[in-house]
């Protein structure tokens, strides 16, 4: 039999994991929006006939070659893809823990 204190701790862990999942989902959504912006920028750069373009750096715009801008965007895209994959792995692990805690909580309620 589980004590009330242990049950409370399990419930608090469960709530903590739920919050972590919510944070991960928000981070993933933000990163996916960034990917969409990058893809849109890359599409526009592919259409342009210009050799140079502008990149916003802080409060100023800097003139750079279109190829440099594309390369930087591709690098940023790869970095974001990796971050999303890491978040998905973390999400999977936390989801598994949540399921375990959920089953423990259901047993306690019986």
C-alpha atoms as a PDB file:
ATOM      1  CA  UNK A   1       0.000   0.000   0.000  1.00  0.00           C
ATOM      2  CA  UNK A   2       1.309   3.437  -0.944  1.00  0.00           C
ATOM      3  CA  UNK A   3       1.241   6.194   1.651  1.00  0.00           C
ATOM      4  CA  UNK A   4      -0.491   9.484   1.017  1.00  0.00           C
ATOM      5  CA  UNK A   5       2.884  11.227   0.890  1.00  0.00           C
ATOM      6  CA  UNK A   6       4.148   8.821  -1.786  1.00  0.00           C
ATOM      7  CA  UNK A   7       0.938   9.290  -3.756  1.00  0.00           C
ATOM      8  CA  UNK A   8       1.390  13.054  -3.571  1.00  0.00           C
ATOM      9  CA  UNK A   9       4.965  12.752  -4.815  1.00  0.00           C
ATOM     10  CA  UNK A  10       3.843  10.598  -7.743  1.00  0.00           C
ATOM     11  CA  UNK A  11       1.142  13.117  -8.593  1.00  0.00           C
ATOM     12  CA  UNK A  12       3.638  16.001  -8.393  1.00  0.00           C
ATOM     13  CA  UNK A  13       6.033  14.136 -10.686  1.00  0.00           C
ATOM     14  CA  UNK A  14       3.165  13.528 -13.081  1.00  0.00           C
ATOM     15  CA  UNK A  15       2.308  17.233 -13.132  1.00  0.00           C
ATOM     16  CA  UNK A  16       5.961  18.162 -13.607  1.00  0.00           C
ATOM     17  CA  UNK A  17       6.276  15.829 -16.602  1.00  0.00           C
ATOM     18  CA  UNK A  18       3.085  17.244 -18.091  1.00  0.00           C
ATOM     19  CA  UNK A  19       4.549  20.743 -17.850  1.00  0.00           C
ATOM     20  CA  UNK A  20       7.773  19.536 -19.442  1.00  0.00           C
ATOM     21  CA  UNK A  21       5.828  18.028 -22.337  1.00  0.00           C
ATOM     22  CA  UNK A  22       3.944  21.306 -22.815  1.00  0.00           C
ATOM     23  CA  UNK A  23       7.234  23.231 -22.858  1.00  0.00           C
ATOM     24  CA  UNK A  24       8.699  20.828 -25.396  1.00  0.00           C
ATOM     25  CA  UNK A  25       5.644  21.150 -27.619  1.00  0.00           C
ATOM     26  CA  UNK A  26       5.871  24.950 -27.493  1.00  0.00           C
ATOM     27  CA  UNK A  27       9.583  24.845 -28.327  1.00  0.00           C
ATOM     28  CA  UNK A  28       8.952  22.473 -31.238  1.00  0.00           C
ATOM     29  CA  UNK A  29       6.185  24.709 -32.581  1.00  0.00           C
ATOM     30  CA  UNK A  30       8.463  27.745 -32.383  1.00  0.00           C
ATOM     31  CA  UNK A  31      11.261  25.896 -34.176  1.00  0.00           C
ATOM     32  CA  UNK A  32       8.870  24.687 -36.878  1.00  0.00           C
ATOM     33  CA  UNK A  33       7.765  28.277 -37.475  1.00  0.00           C
ATOM     34  CA  UNK A  34      11.423  29.238 -37.830  1.00  0.00           C
ATOM     35  CA  UNK A  35      11.870  26.435 -40.371  1.00  0.00           C
ATOM     36  CA  UNK A  36       8.904  27.748 -42.336  1.00  0.00           C
ATOM     37  CA  UNK A  37      10.453  31.229 -42.403  1.00  0.00           C
ATOM     38  CA  UNK A  38      13.806  29.806 -43.508  1.00  0.00           C
ATOM     39  CA  UNK A  39      12.180  27.747 -46.263  1.00  0.00           C
ATOM     40  CA  UNK A  40      10.273  30.803 -47.481  1.00  0.00           C
ATOM     41  CA  UNK A  41      13.479  32.861 -47.526  1.00  0.00           C
ATOM     42  CA  UNK A  42      15.356  30.108 -49.381  1.00  0.00           C
ATOM     43  CA  UNK A  43      12.552  29.860 -51.952  1.00  0.00           C
ATOM     44  CA  UNK A  44      12.724  33.600 -52.570  1.00  0.00           C
ATOM     45  CA  UNK A  45      16.505  33.487 -52.864  1.00  0.00           C
ATOM     46  CA  UNK A  46      16.227  30.678 -55.420  1.00  0.00           C
ATOM     47  CA  UNK A  47      13.904  32.858 -57.538  1.00  0.00           C
ATOM     48  CA  UNK A  48      16.095  35.943 -57.509  1.00  0.00           C
ATOM     49  CA  UNK A  49      18.437  36.808 -60.317  1.00  0.00           C
ATOM     50  CA  UNK A  50      20.429  39.107 -58.044  1.00  0.00           C
ATOM     51  CA  UNK A  51      23.964  38.244 -56.985  1.00  0.00           C
ATOM     52  CA  UNK A  52      23.669  40.095 -53.677  1.00  0.00           C
ATOM     53  CA  UNK A  53      21.014  40.486 -51.063  1.00  0.00           C
ATOM     54  CA  UNK A  54      20.545  41.856 -47.592  1.00  0.00           C
ATOM     55  CA  UNK A  55      20.640  40.099 -44.267  1.00  0.00           C
ATOM     56  CA  UNK A  56      19.322  41.603 -41.061  1.00  0.00           C
ATOM     57  CA  UNK A  57      21.955  41.543 -38.333  1.00  0.00           C
ATOM     58  CA  UNK A  58      20.643  43.093 -35.150  1.00  0.00           C
ATOM     59  CA  UNK A  59      19.308  46.563 -35.938  1.00  0.00           C
ATOM     60  CA  UNK A  60      21.036  46.866 -39.350  1.00  0.00           C
ATOM     61  CA  UNK A  61      20.908  45.291 -42.784  1.00  0.00           C
ATOM     62  CA  UNK A  62      24.142  43.950 -44.252  1.00  0.00           C
ATOM     63  CA  UNK A  63      24.764  43.350 -47.932  1.00  0.00           C
ATOM     64  CA  UNK A  64      25.967  39.795 -48.664  1.00  0.00           C
ATOM     65  CA  UNK A  65      26.141  37.490 -51.624  1.00  0.00           C
ATOM     66  CA  UNK A  66      22.995  35.467 -52.207  1.00  0.00           C
ATOM     67  CA  UNK A  67      25.045  32.262 -51.984  1.00  0.00           C
ATOM     68  CA  UNK A  68      26.402  33.222 -48.551  1.00  0.00           C
ATOM     69  CA  UNK A  69      22.906  33.979 -47.325  1.00  0.00           C
ATOM     70  CA  UNK A  70      21.620  30.652 -48.673  1.00  0.00           C
ATOM     71  CA  UNK A  71      24.468  28.768 -46.983  1.00  0.00           C
ATOM     72  CA  UNK A  72      23.801  30.473 -43.652  1.00  0.00           C
ATOM     73  CA  UNK A  73      20.089  29.681 -43.925  1.00  0.00           C
ATOM     74  CA  UNK A  74      20.796  26.036 -44.761  1.00  0.00           C
ATOM     75  CA  UNK A  75      23.144  25.777 -41.760  1.00  0.00           C
ATOM     76  CA  UNK A  76      20.525  27.327 -39.518  1.00  0.00           C
ATOM     77  CA  UNK A  77      17.913  24.923 -40.931  1.00  0.00           C
ATOM     78  CA  UNK A  78      20.139  21.929 -40.164  1.00  0.00           C
ATOM     79  CA  UNK A  79      20.737  23.197 -36.636  1.00  0.00           C
ATOM     80  CA  UNK A  80      16.999  23.633 -36.051  1.00  0.00           C
ATOM     81  CA  UNK A  81      16.296  20.160 -37.471  1.00  0.00           C
ATOM     82  CA  UNK A  82      18.753  18.680 -34.953  1.00  0.00           C
ATOM     83  CA  UNK A  83      17.157  20.597 -32.089  1.00  0.00           C
ATOM     84  CA  UNK A  84      13.715  19.341 -33.114  1.00  0.00           C
ATOM     85  CA  UNK A  85      14.982  15.747 -33.192  1.00  0.00           C
ATOM     86  CA  UNK A  86      16.499  16.140 -29.725  1.00  0.00           C
ATOM     87  CA  UNK A  87      13.238  17.590 -28.419  1.00  0.00           C
ATOM     88  CA  UNK A  88      11.300  14.679 -29.959  1.00  0.00           C
ATOM     89  CA  UNK A  89      13.577  12.157 -28.225  1.00  0.00           C
ATOM     90  CA  UNK A  90      13.096  13.963 -24.921  1.00  0.00           C
ATOM     91  CA  UNK A  91       9.352  14.106 -25.541  1.00  0.00           C
ATOM     92  CA  UNK A  92       9.253  10.355 -26.125  1.00  0.00           C
ATOM     93  CA  UNK A  93      11.152   9.616 -22.903  1.00  0.00           C
ATOM     94  CA  UNK A  94       8.938  11.921 -20.859  1.00  0.00           C
ATOM     95  CA  UNK A  95       5.804  10.472 -22.450  1.00  0.00           C
ATOM     96  CA  UNK A  96       6.903   7.000 -21.395  1.00  0.00           C
ATOM     97  CA  UNK A  97       7.467   8.219 -17.843  1.00  0.00           C
ATOM     98  CA  UNK A  98       4.053   9.861 -17.890  1.00  0.00           C
ATOM     99  CA  UNK A  99       2.429   6.586 -18.923  1.00  0.00           C
ATOM    100  CA  UNK A 100       4.179   4.764 -16.093  1.00  0.00           C
ATOM    101  CA  UNK A 101       3.086   7.362 -13.562  1.00  0.00           C
ATOM    102  CA  UNK A 102      -0.418   7.371 -14.992  1.00  0.00           C
ATOM    103  CA  UNK A 103      -0.738   3.637 -14.447  1.00  0.00           C
ATOM    104  CA  UNK A 104       0.581   4.030 -10.898  1.00  0.00           C
ATOM    105  CA  UNK A 105      -1.954   6.780 -10.242  1.00  0.00           C
ATOM    106  CA  UNK A 106      -4.788   4.645 -11.629  1.00  0.00           C
ATOM    107  CA  UNK A 107      -3.775   1.792  -9.328  1.00  0.00           C
ATOM    108  CA  UNK A 108      -3.794   4.180  -6.380  1.00  0.00           C
ATOM    109  CA  UNK A 109      -7.293   5.352  -7.219  1.00  0.00           C
ATOM    110  CA  UNK A 110      -8.661   1.811  -7.237  1.00  0.00           C
END
